[in-house]
Amino acid sequence: MTTINDLPKKSGPAGGWGSLKGIARIFGETWATPGVLDTLRQQNKPGGYMCASCAWPKPANYHAFEFCENGAKATLWDLTTTRHTPEFWRDHTVTELRMWTDHDL
């Protein structure tokens, strides 16, 4: 498990342009599925679904970007088309993977 000392230090506000930049970086690094932008559009919206990464409310008067940075990143990572190969599973046992940090997983 990641400890507080393992987390990067951040300065500046949470949210805003920095968050959008972080989301855009992850979007560019991942091979997200074609529907990922539509999924983000529905995240934490009435009739959509609640983000599994946070407890962001579903407001009645919502904005298209009404989701948090970490929730958007988690969605992008979850909806990637990248998959592990059989060789990965041959080389890494479940017992070994249980010892990996959350971030490494």
N, C-alpha and C. Protein backbone atom coordinates (compact mmCIF):
# COMPACT_ATOMS: atom_id res chain seq x y z
N MET A 1 0.84 -1.18 0.00
CA MET A 1 0.00 0.00 0.00
C MET A 1 0.89 1.24 0.00
N THR A 2 0.46 2.27 -0.70
CA THR A 2 1.21 3.51 -0.77
C THR A 2 1.11 4.24 0.56
N THR A 3 2.23 4.75 1.02
CA THR A 3 2.22 5.53 2.25
C THR A 3 2.21 7.00 1.90
N ILE A 4 1.89 7.83 2.87
CA ILE A 4 1.80 9.27 2.65
C ILE A 4 3.13 9.83 2.16
N ASN A 5 4.24 9.25 2.57
CA ASN A 5 5.56 9.73 2.15
C ASN A 5 5.85 9.41 0.69
N ASP A 6 5.12 8.47 0.10
CA ASP A 6 5.33 8.10 -1.30
C ASP A 6 4.62 9.03 -2.27
N LEU A 7 3.73 9.88 -1.75
CA LEU A 7 2.93 10.73 -2.62
C LEU A 7 3.71 11.96 -3.06
N PRO A 8 3.54 12.38 -4.32
CA PRO A 8 4.24 13.57 -4.79
C PRO A 8 3.70 14.82 -4.10
N LYS A 9 4.56 15.79 -3.89
CA LYS A 9 4.16 17.06 -3.28
C LYS A 9 3.59 17.95 -4.38
N LYS A 10 2.47 18.58 -4.09
CA LYS A 10 1.81 19.47 -5.05
C LYS A 10 1.72 20.87 -4.45
N SER A 11 1.92 21.86 -5.29
CA SER A 11 1.69 23.23 -4.86
C SER A 11 0.67 23.83 -5.82
N GLY A 12 -0.08 24.77 -5.36
CA GLY A 12 -1.09 25.39 -6.20
C GLY A 12 -2.46 24.83 -5.91
N PRO A 13 -3.47 25.36 -6.58
CA PRO A 13 -4.84 24.96 -6.30
C PRO A 13 -5.18 23.57 -6.83
N ALA A 14 -6.15 22.95 -6.19
CA ALA A 14 -6.70 21.70 -6.71
C ALA A 14 -7.76 22.08 -7.73
N GLY A 15 -7.78 21.40 -8.84
CA GLY A 15 -8.76 21.69 -9.88
C GLY A 15 -8.26 22.74 -10.86
N GLY A 16 -9.16 23.19 -11.70
CA GLY A 16 -8.82 24.23 -12.67
C GLY A 16 -8.02 23.71 -13.85
N TRP A 17 -7.24 24.63 -14.44
CA TRP A 17 -6.47 24.30 -15.64
C TRP A 17 -5.44 23.21 -15.39
N GLY A 18 -4.85 23.19 -14.20
CA GLY A 18 -3.88 22.14 -13.88
C GLY A 18 -4.51 20.75 -13.94
N SER A 19 -5.74 20.64 -13.46
CA SER A 19 -6.44 19.36 -13.52
C SER A 19 -6.72 18.95 -14.96
N LEU A 20 -7.17 19.90 -15.76
CA LEU A 20 -7.43 19.58 -17.17
C LEU A 20 -6.15 19.17 -17.89
N LYS A 21 -5.05 19.83 -17.55
CA LYS A 21 -3.75 19.46 -18.14
C LYS A 21 -3.38 18.03 -17.74
N GLY A 22 -3.58 17.69 -16.46
CA GLY A 22 -3.28 16.33 -15.99
C GLY A 22 -4.14 15.28 -16.66
N ILE A 23 -5.42 15.59 -16.84
CA ILE A 23 -6.33 14.66 -17.52
C ILE A 23 -5.92 14.50 -18.97
N ALA A 24 -5.58 15.61 -19.63
CA ALA A 24 -5.16 15.55 -21.03
C ALA A 24 -3.88 14.73 -21.19
N ARG A 25 -2.97 14.85 -20.23
CA ARG A 25 -1.73 14.07 -20.29
C ARG A 25 -2.03 12.58 -20.22
N ILE A 26 -2.88 12.18 -19.29
CA ILE A 26 -3.25 10.76 -19.15
C ILE A 26 -3.99 10.29 -20.40
N PHE A 27 -4.88 11.14 -20.92
CA PHE A 27 -5.61 10.79 -22.14
C PHE A 27 -4.64 10.52 -23.29
N GLY A 28 -3.60 11.34 -23.40
CA GLY A 28 -2.61 11.16 -24.46
C GLY A 28 -1.72 9.95 -24.26
N GLU A 29 -1.50 9.55 -23.01
CA GLU A 29 -0.62 8.41 -22.71
C GLU A 29 -1.34 7.07 -22.80
N THR A 30 -2.64 7.07 -22.63
CA THR A 30 -3.39 5.81 -22.63
C THR A 30 -4.04 5.58 -23.98
N TRP A 31 -4.28 4.36 -24.27
CA TRP A 31 -5.06 4.01 -25.46
C TRP A 31 -6.47 3.74 -24.99
N ALA A 32 -7.20 4.82 -24.75
CA ALA A 32 -8.54 4.69 -24.20
C ALA A 32 -9.50 4.14 -25.26
N THR A 33 -10.55 3.50 -24.78
CA THR A 33 -11.56 2.97 -25.69
C THR A 33 -12.29 4.14 -26.36
N PRO A 34 -12.89 3.90 -27.52
CA PRO A 34 -13.53 4.99 -28.26
C PRO A 34 -14.60 5.76 -27.48
N GLY A 35 -15.31 5.11 -26.58
CA GLY A 35 -16.39 5.76 -25.86
C GLY A 35 -16.00 6.46 -24.58
N VAL A 36 -14.70 6.60 -24.32
CA VAL A 36 -14.27 7.15 -23.03
C VAL A 36 -14.74 8.59 -22.83
N LEU A 37 -14.74 9.41 -23.86
CA LEU A 37 -15.18 10.79 -23.69
C LEU A 37 -16.67 10.86 -23.37
N ASP A 38 -17.47 9.99 -23.98
CA ASP A 38 -18.89 9.93 -23.66
C ASP A 38 -19.09 9.44 -22.23
N THR A 39 -18.25 8.50 -21.82
CA THR A 39 -18.32 8.00 -20.45
C THR A 39 -18.03 9.13 -19.46
N LEU A 40 -16.98 9.92 -19.73
CA LEU A 40 -16.66 11.05 -18.85
C LEU A 40 -17.80 12.07 -18.84
N ARG A 41 -18.43 12.27 -19.98
CA ARG A 41 -19.54 13.22 -20.07
C ARG A 41 -20.70 12.80 -19.15
N GLN A 42 -20.86 11.50 -18.94
CA GLN A 42 -21.96 10.98 -18.11
C GLN A 42 -21.56 10.78 -16.65
N GLN A 43 -20.27 10.93 -16.36
CA GLN A 43 -19.77 10.66 -15.01
C GLN A 43 -20.32 11.68 -14.02
N ASN A 44 -20.93 11.20 -12.94
CA ASN A 44 -21.51 12.01 -11.87
C ASN A 44 -22.61 12.94 -12.36
N LYS A 45 -23.37 12.51 -13.35
CA LYS A 45 -24.49 13.28 -13.89
C LYS A 45 -25.79 12.52 -13.64
N PRO A 46 -26.92 13.26 -13.55
CA PRO A 46 -28.21 12.58 -13.44
C PRO A 46 -28.41 11.64 -14.63
N GLY A 47 -28.78 10.41 -14.37
CA GLY A 47 -28.94 9.42 -15.42
C GLY A 47 -27.64 8.77 -15.83
N GLY A 48 -26.52 9.25 -15.30
CA GLY A 48 -25.21 8.67 -15.61
C GLY A 48 -24.81 7.69 -14.54
N TYR A 49 -23.57 7.72 -14.15
CA TYR A 49 -23.11 6.80 -13.11
C TYR A 49 -22.19 7.54 -12.15
N MET A 50 -22.09 7.01 -10.95
CA MET A 50 -21.25 7.59 -9.91
C MET A 50 -19.83 7.09 -10.08
N CYS A 51 -18.90 7.98 -10.04
CA CYS A 51 -17.48 7.64 -10.14
C CYS A 51 -17.09 6.73 -8.98
N ALA A 52 -16.36 5.69 -9.28
CA ALA A 52 -15.92 4.75 -8.24
C ALA A 52 -14.73 5.29 -7.46
N SER A 53 -14.13 6.38 -7.93
CA SER A 53 -12.92 6.92 -7.32
C SER A 53 -13.22 7.94 -6.23
N CYS A 54 -14.44 8.49 -6.19
CA CYS A 54 -14.72 9.56 -5.23
C CYS A 54 -16.19 9.58 -4.85
N ALA A 55 -16.55 10.58 -4.06
CA ALA A 55 -17.94 10.73 -3.63
C ALA A 55 -18.51 12.05 -4.16
N TRP A 56 -18.12 12.44 -5.37
CA TRP A 56 -18.60 13.68 -5.98
C TRP A 56 -20.12 13.59 -6.14
N PRO A 57 -20.85 14.64 -5.76
CA PRO A 57 -22.32 14.56 -5.86
C PRO A 57 -22.81 14.67 -7.30
N LYS A 58 -24.06 14.30 -7.50
CA LYS A 58 -24.72 14.47 -8.80
C LYS A 58 -25.63 15.70 -8.70
N PRO A 59 -25.14 16.88 -9.06
CA PRO A 59 -25.95 18.09 -8.91
C PRO A 59 -27.08 18.16 -9.93
N ALA A 60 -28.14 18.87 -9.58
CA ALA A 60 -29.27 19.04 -10.50
C ALA A 60 -28.87 19.89 -11.69
N ASN A 61 -28.13 20.96 -11.46
CA ASN A 61 -27.64 21.84 -12.53
C ASN A 61 -26.16 21.57 -12.70
N TYR A 62 -25.83 20.69 -13.61
CA TYR A 62 -24.45 20.23 -13.75
C TYR A 62 -23.77 20.85 -14.96
N HIS A 63 -22.47 20.74 -14.98
CA HIS A 63 -21.62 21.22 -16.06
C HIS A 63 -21.00 20.00 -16.74
N ALA A 64 -20.64 20.14 -18.00
CA ALA A 64 -20.04 19.01 -18.74
C ALA A 64 -18.78 18.49 -18.07
N PHE A 65 -18.02 19.37 -17.42
CA PHE A 65 -16.78 18.95 -16.76
C PHE A 65 -16.97 18.82 -15.26
N GLU A 66 -18.10 18.34 -14.83
CA GLU A 66 -18.42 18.21 -13.42
C GLU A 66 -17.94 16.85 -12.90
N PHE A 67 -16.61 16.69 -12.85
CA PHE A 67 -15.99 15.49 -12.28
C PHE A 67 -14.61 15.89 -11.81
N CYS A 68 -14.06 15.11 -10.90
CA CYS A 68 -12.75 15.46 -10.36
C CYS A 68 -11.63 14.87 -11.24
N GLU A 69 -10.45 15.44 -11.06
CA GLU A 69 -9.29 14.99 -11.83
C GLU A 69 -8.99 13.52 -11.60
N ASN A 70 -8.97 13.10 -10.34
CA ASN A 70 -8.64 11.70 -10.04
C ASN A 70 -9.69 10.75 -10.60
N GLY A 71 -10.96 11.14 -10.54
CA GLY A 71 -12.01 10.30 -11.11
C GLY A 71 -11.88 10.16 -12.61
N ALA A 72 -11.55 11.27 -13.28
CA ALA A 72 -11.36 11.22 -14.74
C ALA A 72 -10.16 10.35 -15.09
N LYS A 73 -9.07 10.50 -14.34
CA LYS A 73 -7.87 9.68 -14.60
C LYS A 73 -8.18 8.20 -14.37
N ALA A 74 -8.89 7.90 -13.29
CA ALA A 74 -9.24 6.50 -13.01
C ALA A 74 -10.10 5.93 -14.13
N THR A 75 -11.03 6.72 -14.64
CA THR A 75 -11.87 6.27 -15.75
C THR A 75 -11.03 6.03 -16.99
N LEU A 76 -10.11 6.94 -17.31
CA LEU A 76 -9.24 6.76 -18.47
C LEU A 76 -8.39 5.50 -18.32
N TRP A 77 -7.83 5.29 -17.14
CA TRP A 77 -6.99 4.10 -16.92
C TRP A 77 -7.83 2.83 -17.00
N ASP A 78 -9.06 2.87 -16.45
CA ASP A 78 -9.92 1.68 -16.47
C ASP A 78 -10.39 1.33 -17.88
N LEU A 79 -10.57 2.33 -18.72
CA LEU A 79 -11.12 2.09 -20.05
C LEU A 79 -10.05 2.05 -21.14
N THR A 80 -8.84 1.73 -20.76
CA THR A 80 -7.77 1.59 -21.74
C THR A 80 -7.95 0.32 -22.56
N THR A 81 -7.45 0.33 -23.78
CA THR A 81 -7.49 -0.88 -24.61
C THR A 81 -6.25 -1.73 -24.38
N THR A 82 -5.30 -1.22 -23.60
CA THR A 82 -4.07 -1.96 -23.32
C THR A 82 -4.39 -3.15 -22.41
N ARG A 83 -3.87 -4.30 -22.75
CA ARG A 83 -4.09 -5.50 -21.95
C ARG A 83 -2.76 -6.19 -21.71
N HIS A 84 -2.66 -6.90 -20.59
CA HIS A 84 -1.45 -7.67 -20.33
C HIS A 84 -1.45 -8.93 -21.19
N THR A 85 -0.27 -9.32 -21.56
CA THR A 85 -0.10 -10.50 -22.41
C THR A 85 -0.03 -11.76 -21.55
N PRO A 86 -0.18 -12.92 -22.16
CA PRO A 86 -0.01 -14.17 -21.41
C PRO A 86 1.38 -14.25 -20.75
N GLU A 87 2.38 -13.64 -21.38
CA GLU A 87 3.74 -13.67 -20.81
C GLU A 87 3.79 -12.93 -19.47
N PHE A 88 3.05 -11.83 -19.35
CA PHE A 88 3.01 -11.10 -18.08
C PHE A 88 2.50 -12.02 -16.98
N TRP A 89 1.41 -12.72 -17.24
CA TRP A 89 0.81 -13.60 -16.23
C TRP A 89 1.68 -14.83 -15.97
N ARG A 90 2.46 -15.23 -16.95
CA ARG A 90 3.40 -16.33 -16.74
C ARG A 90 4.54 -15.88 -15.81
N ASP A 91 4.99 -14.63 -15.99
CA ASP A 91 6.14 -14.12 -15.26
C ASP A 91 5.82 -13.58 -13.87
N HIS A 92 4.54 -13.27 -13.59
CA HIS A 92 4.16 -12.66 -12.31
C HIS A 92 3.02 -13.44 -11.68
N THR A 93 3.27 -14.00 -10.53
CA THR A 93 2.23 -14.75 -9.82
C THR A 93 1.31 -13.78 -9.08
N VAL A 94 0.13 -14.24 -8.74
CA VAL A 94 -0.80 -13.43 -7.96
C VAL A 94 -0.18 -13.09 -6.61
N THR A 95 0.54 -14.02 -6.03
CA THR A 95 1.22 -13.77 -4.75
C THR A 95 2.20 -12.61 -4.90
N GLU A 96 2.96 -12.59 -5.98
CA GLU A 96 3.89 -11.48 -6.22
C GLU A 96 3.13 -10.17 -6.42
N LEU A 97 2.07 -10.19 -7.21
CA LEU A 97 1.32 -8.97 -7.50
C LEU A 97 0.68 -8.39 -6.25
N ARG A 98 0.36 -9.22 -5.28
CA ARG A 98 -0.21 -8.73 -4.02
C ARG A 98 0.79 -7.88 -3.25
N MET A 99 2.08 -8.04 -3.55
CA MET A 99 3.13 -7.27 -2.87
C MET A 99 3.39 -5.93 -3.57
N TRP A 100 2.86 -5.73 -4.76
CA TRP A 100 3.07 -4.48 -5.50
C TRP A 100 2.28 -3.34 -4.86
N THR A 101 2.76 -2.12 -5.03
CA THR A 101 2.03 -0.97 -4.53
C THR A 101 0.78 -0.75 -5.38
N ASP A 102 -0.17 -0.03 -4.84
CA ASP A 102 -1.38 0.29 -5.59
C ASP A 102 -1.03 0.98 -6.91
N HIS A 103 -0.09 1.90 -6.86
CA HIS A 103 0.29 2.64 -8.06
C HIS A 103 0.90 1.72 -9.11
N ASP A 104 1.74 0.80 -8.68
CA ASP A 104 2.38 -0.12 -9.63
C ASP A 104 1.36 -1.06 -10.28
N LEU A 105 0.34 -1.43 -9.52
CA LEU A 105 -0.70 -2.28 -10.10
C LEU A 105 -1.45 -1.52 -11.16
